[in-house]
C-alpha atoms as a PDB file:
ATOM      1  CA  UNK A   1     -14.176  14.246 -15.549  1.00  0.00           C
ATOM      2  CA  UNK A   2     -13.175  10.561 -15.597  1.00  0.00           C
ATOM      3  CA  UNK A   3     -12.768   8.452 -12.447  1.00  0.00           C
ATOM      4  CA  UNK A   4      -8.967   8.672 -12.264  1.00  0.00           C
ATOM      5  CA  UNK A   5      -8.954  12.469 -12.565  1.00  0.00           C
ATOM      6  CA  UNK A   6     -11.788  12.751 -10.047  1.00  0.00           C
ATOM      7  CA  UNK A   7      -9.970  10.554  -7.500  1.00  0.00           C
ATOM      8  CA  UNK A   8      -6.784  12.611  -7.950  1.00  0.00           C
ATOM      9  CA  UNK A   9      -8.786  15.795  -7.323  1.00  0.00           C
ATOM     10  CA  UNK A  10     -10.489  14.155  -4.322  1.00  0.00           C
ATOM     11  CA  UNK A  11      -7.109  13.179  -2.899  1.00  0.00           C
ATOM     12  CA  UNK A  12      -5.787  16.722  -3.475  1.00  0.00           C
ATOM     13  CA  UNK A  13      -8.750  18.178  -1.547  1.00  0.00           C
ATOM     14  CA  UNK A  14      -8.190  15.809   1.388  1.00  0.00           C
ATOM     15  CA  UNK A  15      -4.442  16.436   1.473  1.00  0.00           C
ATOM     16  CA  UNK A  16      -4.897  20.206   1.486  1.00  0.00           C
ATOM     17  CA  UNK A  17      -7.554  20.210   4.212  1.00  0.00           C
ATOM     18  CA  UNK A  18      -6.575  20.380   7.878  1.00  0.00           C
ATOM     19  CA  UNK A  19     -10.032  19.197   8.998  1.00  0.00           C
ATOM     20  CA  UNK A  20     -12.541  16.533   7.838  1.00  0.00           C
ATOM     21  CA  UNK A  21     -14.332  17.251   4.553  1.00  0.00           C
ATOM     22  CA  UNK A  22     -17.915  16.032   4.345  1.00  0.00           C
ATOM     23  CA  UNK A  23     -19.046  13.635   1.650  1.00  0.00           C
ATOM     24  CA  UNK A  24     -21.672  16.172   0.614  1.00  0.00           C
ATOM     25  CA  UNK A  25     -19.070  18.907   0.163  1.00  0.00           C
ATOM     26  CA  UNK A  26     -16.836  16.550  -1.857  1.00  0.00           C
ATOM     27  CA  UNK A  27     -19.806  15.482  -4.002  1.00  0.00           C
ATOM     28  CA  UNK A  28     -20.821  19.090  -4.658  1.00  0.00           C
ATOM     29  CA  UNK A  29     -17.249  20.183  -5.441  1.00  0.00           C
ATOM     30  CA  UNK A  30     -16.632  17.277  -7.812  1.00  0.00           C
ATOM     31  CA  UNK A  31     -20.170  17.387  -9.284  1.00  0.00           C
ATOM     32  CA  UNK A  32     -21.014  13.754  -8.529  1.00  0.00           C
ATOM     33  CA  UNK A  33     -23.313  11.938  -6.128  1.00  0.00           C
ATOM     34  CA  UNK A  34     -22.348  11.189  -2.548  1.00  0.00           C
ATOM     35  CA  UNK A  35     -22.406   7.465  -3.444  1.00  0.00           C
ATOM     36  CA  UNK A  36     -19.699   8.070  -6.067  1.00  0.00           C
ATOM     37  CA  UNK A  37     -17.578   9.722  -3.355  1.00  0.00           C
ATOM     38  CA  UNK A  38     -18.065   6.667  -1.086  1.00  0.00           C
ATOM     39  CA  UNK A  39     -16.952   4.390  -3.943  1.00  0.00           C
ATOM     40  CA  UNK A  40     -13.952   6.595  -4.758  1.00  0.00           C
ATOM     41  CA  UNK A  41     -12.875   6.605  -1.095  1.00  0.00           C
ATOM     42  CA  UNK A  42     -13.104   2.785  -1.074  1.00  0.00           C
ATOM     43  CA  UNK A  43     -10.912   2.579  -4.190  1.00  0.00           C
ATOM     44  CA  UNK A  44      -8.329   4.960  -2.736  1.00  0.00           C
ATOM     45  CA  UNK A  45      -8.239   2.910   0.464  1.00  0.00           C
ATOM     46  CA  UNK A  46      -7.855  -0.330  -1.517  1.00  0.00           C
ATOM     47  CA  UNK A  47      -4.763   1.232  -3.048  1.00  0.00           C
ATOM     48  CA  UNK A  48      -3.219   1.783   0.358  1.00  0.00           C
ATOM     49  CA  UNK A  49      -4.207   5.339   1.267  1.00  0.00           C
ATOM     50  CA  UNK A  50      -5.073   6.011   4.906  1.00  0.00           C
ATOM     51  CA  UNK A  51      -8.371   7.872   4.719  1.00  0.00           C
ATOM     52  CA  UNK A  52     -10.364   8.190   7.922  1.00  0.00           C
ATOM     53  CA  UNK A  53     -14.160   8.321   7.890  1.00  0.00           C
ATOM     54  CA  UNK A  54     -14.912  10.688  10.737  1.00  0.00           C
ATOM     55  CA  UNK A  55     -18.255  11.938  12.036  1.00  0.00           C
ATOM     56  CA  UNK A  56     -17.838  15.188  10.117  1.00  0.00           C
ATOM     57  CA  UNK A  57     -16.329  13.797   6.942  1.00  0.00           C
ATOM     58  CA  UNK A  58     -13.188  12.293   5.456  1.00  0.00           C
ATOM     59  CA  UNK A  59      -9.586  13.145   6.184  1.00  0.00           C
ATOM     60  CA  UNK A  60      -6.116  11.803   5.466  1.00  0.00           C
ATOM     61  CA  UNK A  61      -4.484  10.072   8.429  1.00  0.00           C
ATOM     62  CA  UNK A  62      -0.919  10.590   7.249  1.00  0.00           C
ATOM     63  CA  UNK A  63      -0.010  13.787   5.466  1.00  0.00           C
ATOM     64  CA  UNK A  64       3.650  13.041   5.129  1.00  0.00           C
ATOM     65  CA  UNK A  65       5.585  13.878   2.046  1.00  0.00           C
ATOM     66  CA  UNK A  66       6.863  10.306   1.843  1.00  0.00           C
ATOM     67  CA  UNK A  67       7.003   8.685  -1.547  1.00  0.00           C
ATOM     68  CA  UNK A  68       5.325   5.301  -1.886  1.00  0.00           C
ATOM     69  CA  UNK A  69       5.451   2.441  -4.334  1.00  0.00           C
ATOM     70  CA  UNK A  70       3.745  -0.923  -4.580  1.00  0.00           C
ATOM     71  CA  UNK A  71       6.055  -3.782  -5.517  1.00  0.00           C
ATOM     72  CA  UNK A  72       5.021  -7.293  -6.518  1.00  0.00           C
ATOM     73  CA  UNK A  73       7.252  -9.890  -4.905  1.00  0.00           C
ATOM     74  CA  UNK A  74       7.902 -13.627  -5.113  1.00  0.00           C
ATOM     75  CA  UNK A  75      10.344 -15.611  -2.980  1.00  0.00           C
ATOM     76  CA  UNK A  76      10.571 -18.494  -0.543  1.00  0.00           C
ATOM     77  CA  UNK A  77       9.736 -18.278   3.168  1.00  0.00           C
ATOM     78  CA  UNK A  78      13.402 -18.459   4.114  1.00  0.00           C
ATOM     79  CA  UNK A  79      14.130 -15.383   1.959  1.00  0.00           C
ATOM     80  CA  UNK A  80      11.536 -13.206   3.732  1.00  0.00           C
ATOM     81  CA  UNK A  81      13.979 -11.729   6.237  1.00  0.00           C
ATOM     82  CA  UNK A  82      16.470 -10.875   3.475  1.00  0.00           C
ATOM     83  CA  UNK A  83      13.692  -9.154   1.474  1.00  0.00           C
ATOM     84  CA  UNK A  84      12.524  -7.030   4.402  1.00  0.00           C
ATOM     85  CA  UNK A  85      16.069  -6.222   5.555  1.00  0.00           C
ATOM     86  CA  UNK A  86      17.084  -5.044   2.073  1.00  0.00           C
ATOM     87  CA  UNK A  87      14.184  -2.602   2.106  1.00  0.00           C
ATOM     88  CA  UNK A  88      14.867  -1.050   5.532  1.00  0.00           C
ATOM     89  CA  UNK A  89      18.651  -1.020   5.045  1.00  0.00           C
ATOM     90  CA  UNK A  90      18.177   1.198   1.998  1.00  0.00           C
ATOM     91  CA  UNK A  91      15.907   3.607   3.894  1.00  0.00           C
ATOM     92  CA  UNK A  92      12.493   2.150   3.130  1.00  0.00           C
ATOM     93  CA  UNK A  93       9.586   1.299   5.378  1.00  0.00           C
ATOM     94  CA  UNK A  94       7.278  -1.657   4.721  1.00  0.00           C
ATOM     95  CA  UNK A  95       3.782  -0.294   5.233  1.00  0.00           C
ATOM     96  CA  UNK A  96       1.833  -3.457   4.448  1.00  0.00           C
ATOM     97  CA  UNK A  97       1.650  -6.790   2.701  1.00  0.00           C
ATOM     98  CA  UNK A  98      -1.239  -7.878   0.521  1.00  0.00           C
ATOM     99  CA  UNK A  99      -2.182 -10.610  -1.878  1.00  0.00           C
ATOM    100  CA  UNK A 100      -4.558 -10.848  -4.785  1.00  0.00           C
ATOM    101  CA  UNK A 101      -6.453 -14.088  -4.216  1.00  0.00           C
ATOM    102  CA  UNK A 102      -8.558 -15.343  -7.140  1.00  0.00           C
ATOM    103  CA  UNK A 103     -11.451 -16.170  -4.772  1.00  0.00           C
ATOM    104  CA  UNK A 104     -11.155 -13.706  -1.862  1.00  0.00           C
ATOM    105  CA  UNK A 105      -9.840 -10.725  -3.827  1.00  0.00           C
ATOM    106  CA  UNK A 106      -7.367  -8.383  -2.115  1.00  0.00           C
ATOM    107  CA  UNK A 107      -6.341  -9.467   1.382  1.00  0.00           C
ATOM    108  CA  UNK A 108      -4.197  -6.857   3.162  1.00  0.00           C
ATOM    109  CA  UNK A 109      -2.330  -6.702   6.486  1.00  0.00           C
ATOM    110  CA  UNK A 110      -0.489  -3.745   8.024  1.00  0.00           C
ATOM    111  CA  UNK A 111       3.177  -4.384   8.787  1.00  0.00           C
ATOM    112  CA  UNK A 112       4.765  -0.994   9.591  1.00  0.00           C
ATOM    113  CA  UNK A 113       8.320  -2.358   9.630  1.00  0.00           C
ATOM    114  CA  UNK A 114      10.939   0.403   9.855  1.00  0.00           C
ATOM    115  CA  UNK A 115      14.033  -1.257  11.339  1.00  0.00           C
ATOM    116  CA  UNK A 116      15.944  -4.514  11.685  1.00  0.00           C
ATOM    117  CA  UNK A 117      14.498  -4.752  15.212  1.00  0.00           C
ATOM    118  CA  UNK A 118      10.943  -4.599  13.810  1.00  0.00           C
ATOM    119  CA  UNK A 119      11.860  -7.287  11.279  1.00  0.00           C
ATOM    120  CA  UNK A 120      13.402  -9.552  13.935  1.00  0.00           C
ATOM    121  CA  UNK A 121      10.229  -9.285  16.037  1.00  0.00           C
ATOM    122  CA  UNK A 122       8.044 -10.031  12.999  1.00  0.00           C
ATOM    123  CA  UNK A 123      10.132 -13.072  11.997  1.00  0.00           C
ATOM    124  CA  UNK A 124      10.080 -14.352  15.581  1.00  0.00           C
ATOM    125  CA  UNK A 125       6.264 -14.097  15.694  1.00  0.00           C
ATOM    126  CA  UNK A 126       5.964 -16.012  12.416  1.00  0.00           C
ATOM    127  CA  UNK A 127       8.328 -18.758  13.606  1.00  0.00           C
ATOM    128  CA  UNK A 128       6.734 -19.103  17.048  1.00  0.00           C
ATOM    129  CA  UNK A 129       3.094 -18.976  15.945  1.00  0.00           C
ATOM    130  CA  UNK A 130       0.758 -21.344  14.200  1.00  0.00           C
ATOM    131  CA  UNK A 131       0.336 -19.006  11.255  1.00  0.00           C
ATOM    132  CA  UNK A 132       2.260 -18.795   8.047  1.00  0.00           C
ATOM    133  CA  UNK A 133       3.141 -15.860   5.841  1.00  0.00           C
ATOM    134  CA  UNK A 134       0.238 -14.330   3.903  1.00  0.00           C
ATOM    135  CA  UNK A 135       2.093 -14.926   0.639  1.00  0.00           C
ATOM    136  CA  UNK A 136       1.647 -18.676   1.059  1.00  0.00           C
ATOM    137  CA  UNK A 137      -2.041 -18.363   0.132  1.00  0.00           C
ATOM    138  CA  UNK A 138      -0.964 -17.343  -3.387  1.00  0.00           C
ATOM    139  CA  UNK A 139       2.049 -19.592  -4.059  1.00  0.00           C
ATOM    140  CA  UNK A 140       4.495 -16.985  -2.755  1.00  0.00           C
ATOM    141  CA  UNK A 141       3.223 -14.005  -4.780  1.00  0.00           C
ATOM    142  CA  UNK A 142       2.519 -10.904  -2.724  1.00  0.00           C
ATOM    143  CA  UNK A 143       2.761  -7.107  -2.757  1.00  0.00           C
ATOM    144  CA  UNK A 144       4.263  -4.568  -0.413  1.00  0.00           C
ATOM    145  CA  UNK A 145       3.552  -0.863  -0.153  1.00  0.00           C
ATOM    146  CA  UNK A 146       6.992   0.655   0.423  1.00  0.00           C
ATOM    147  CA  UNK A 147       7.447   4.167   1.822  1.00  0.00           C
ATOM    148  CA  UNK A 148      10.615   6.249   1.570  1.00  0.00           C
ATOM    149  CA  UNK A 149      11.746   9.857   1.788  1.00  0.00           C
ATOM    150  CA  UNK A 150      11.961  10.177  -1.993  1.00  0.00           C
ATOM    151  CA  UNK A 151      11.571   8.414  -5.345  1.00  0.00           C
ATOM    152  CA  UNK A 152      15.342   7.908  -5.665  1.00  0.00           C
ATOM    153  CA  UNK A 153      15.322   5.735  -2.536  1.00  0.00           C
ATOM    154  CA  UNK A 154      12.389   3.747  -3.922  1.00  0.00           C
ATOM    155  CA  UNK A 155      14.314   3.266  -7.183  1.00  0.00           C
ATOM    156  CA  UNK A 156      17.315   1.935  -5.232  1.00  0.00           C
ATOM    157  CA  UNK A 157      15.108  -0.460  -3.259  1.00  0.00           C
ATOM    158  CA  UNK A 158      13.403  -1.712  -6.406  1.00  0.00           C
ATOM    159  CA  UNK A 159      16.754  -2.217  -8.136  1.00  0.00           C
ATOM    160  CA  UNK A 160      18.155  -4.143  -5.145  1.00  0.00           C
ATOM    161  CA  UNK A 161      15.111  -6.433  -4.956  1.00  0.00           C
ATOM    162  CA  UNK A 162      15.380  -7.052  -8.693  1.00  0.00           C
ATOM    163  CA  UNK A 163      19.076  -7.990  -8.282  1.00  0.00           C
ATOM    164  CA  UNK A 164      18.026 -10.402  -5.524  1.00  0.00           C
ATOM    165  CA  UNK A 165      15.560 -12.018  -7.957  1.00  0.00           C
ATOM    166  CA  UNK A 166      12.537 -11.202  -5.794  1.00  0.00           C
ATOM    167  CA  UNK A 167      10.517  -8.859  -8.013  1.00  0.00           C
ATOM    168  CA  UNK A 168       7.662 -10.544  -9.855  1.00  0.00           C
ATOM    169  CA  UNK A 169       6.235  -9.553 -13.213  1.00  0.00           C
ATOM    170  CA  UNK A 170       2.937  -7.696 -13.187  1.00  0.00           C
ATOM    171  CA  UNK A 171       0.113  -9.341 -15.148  1.00  0.00           C
ATOM    172  CA  UNK A 172      -2.498  -7.456 -17.155  1.00  0.00           C
ATOM    173  CA  UNK A 173      -5.436  -8.846 -15.143  1.00  0.00           C
ATOM    174  CA  UNK A 174      -4.210  -7.702 -11.732  1.00  0.00           C
ATOM    175  CA  UNK A 175      -6.742  -5.338 -10.154  1.00  0.00           C
ATOM    176  CA  UNK A 176      -4.127  -3.267  -8.314  1.00  0.00           C
ATOM    177  CA  UNK A 177      -3.575   0.354  -9.350  1.00  0.00           C
ATOM    178  CA  UNK A 178       0.172   0.473  -9.907  1.00  0.00           C
ATOM    179  CA  UNK A 179      -0.003   3.803 -11.694  1.00  0.00           C
ATOM    180  CA  UNK A 180       1.255   5.455  -8.494  1.00  0.00           C
ATOM    181  CA  UNK A 181       4.579   3.743  -9.304  1.00  0.00           C
END
């Protein structure tokens, strides 16, 4: 079984379990070493999945049926509020923001923005603080994990952001797994 198939099976096991699953059990079930399981969990987490390492094993933190999609974005600082508002107005939630830095690798921050009120508070913190937007470390290029009730809503959000000229083209050398759409 190749790595992608194994990680899909690993994710299926965690989603179907209502209690933590030990690394040893996962390794035995998937016929790999425990170290391979640790590496697979790290890869799944790097792709935005909330997997908890508990005393008795691994478990999914959020078992919702929400659809998710990672979008690559590029825009100016002054367009940030419009970007975020377009997403929540169409029924999306902004789970996180992350960049791919050529030196530091993937740098990720949780956002959990679900409403215009959340966005207003976020924008106010950026304007009143001594920090700038994470995207500024990579010339404005950044990614968001967007959650929604269904794929149709994600399609509408993606289409709107494209109309606004904010979607950026994916490059072949980007280490992000966009296969989850």
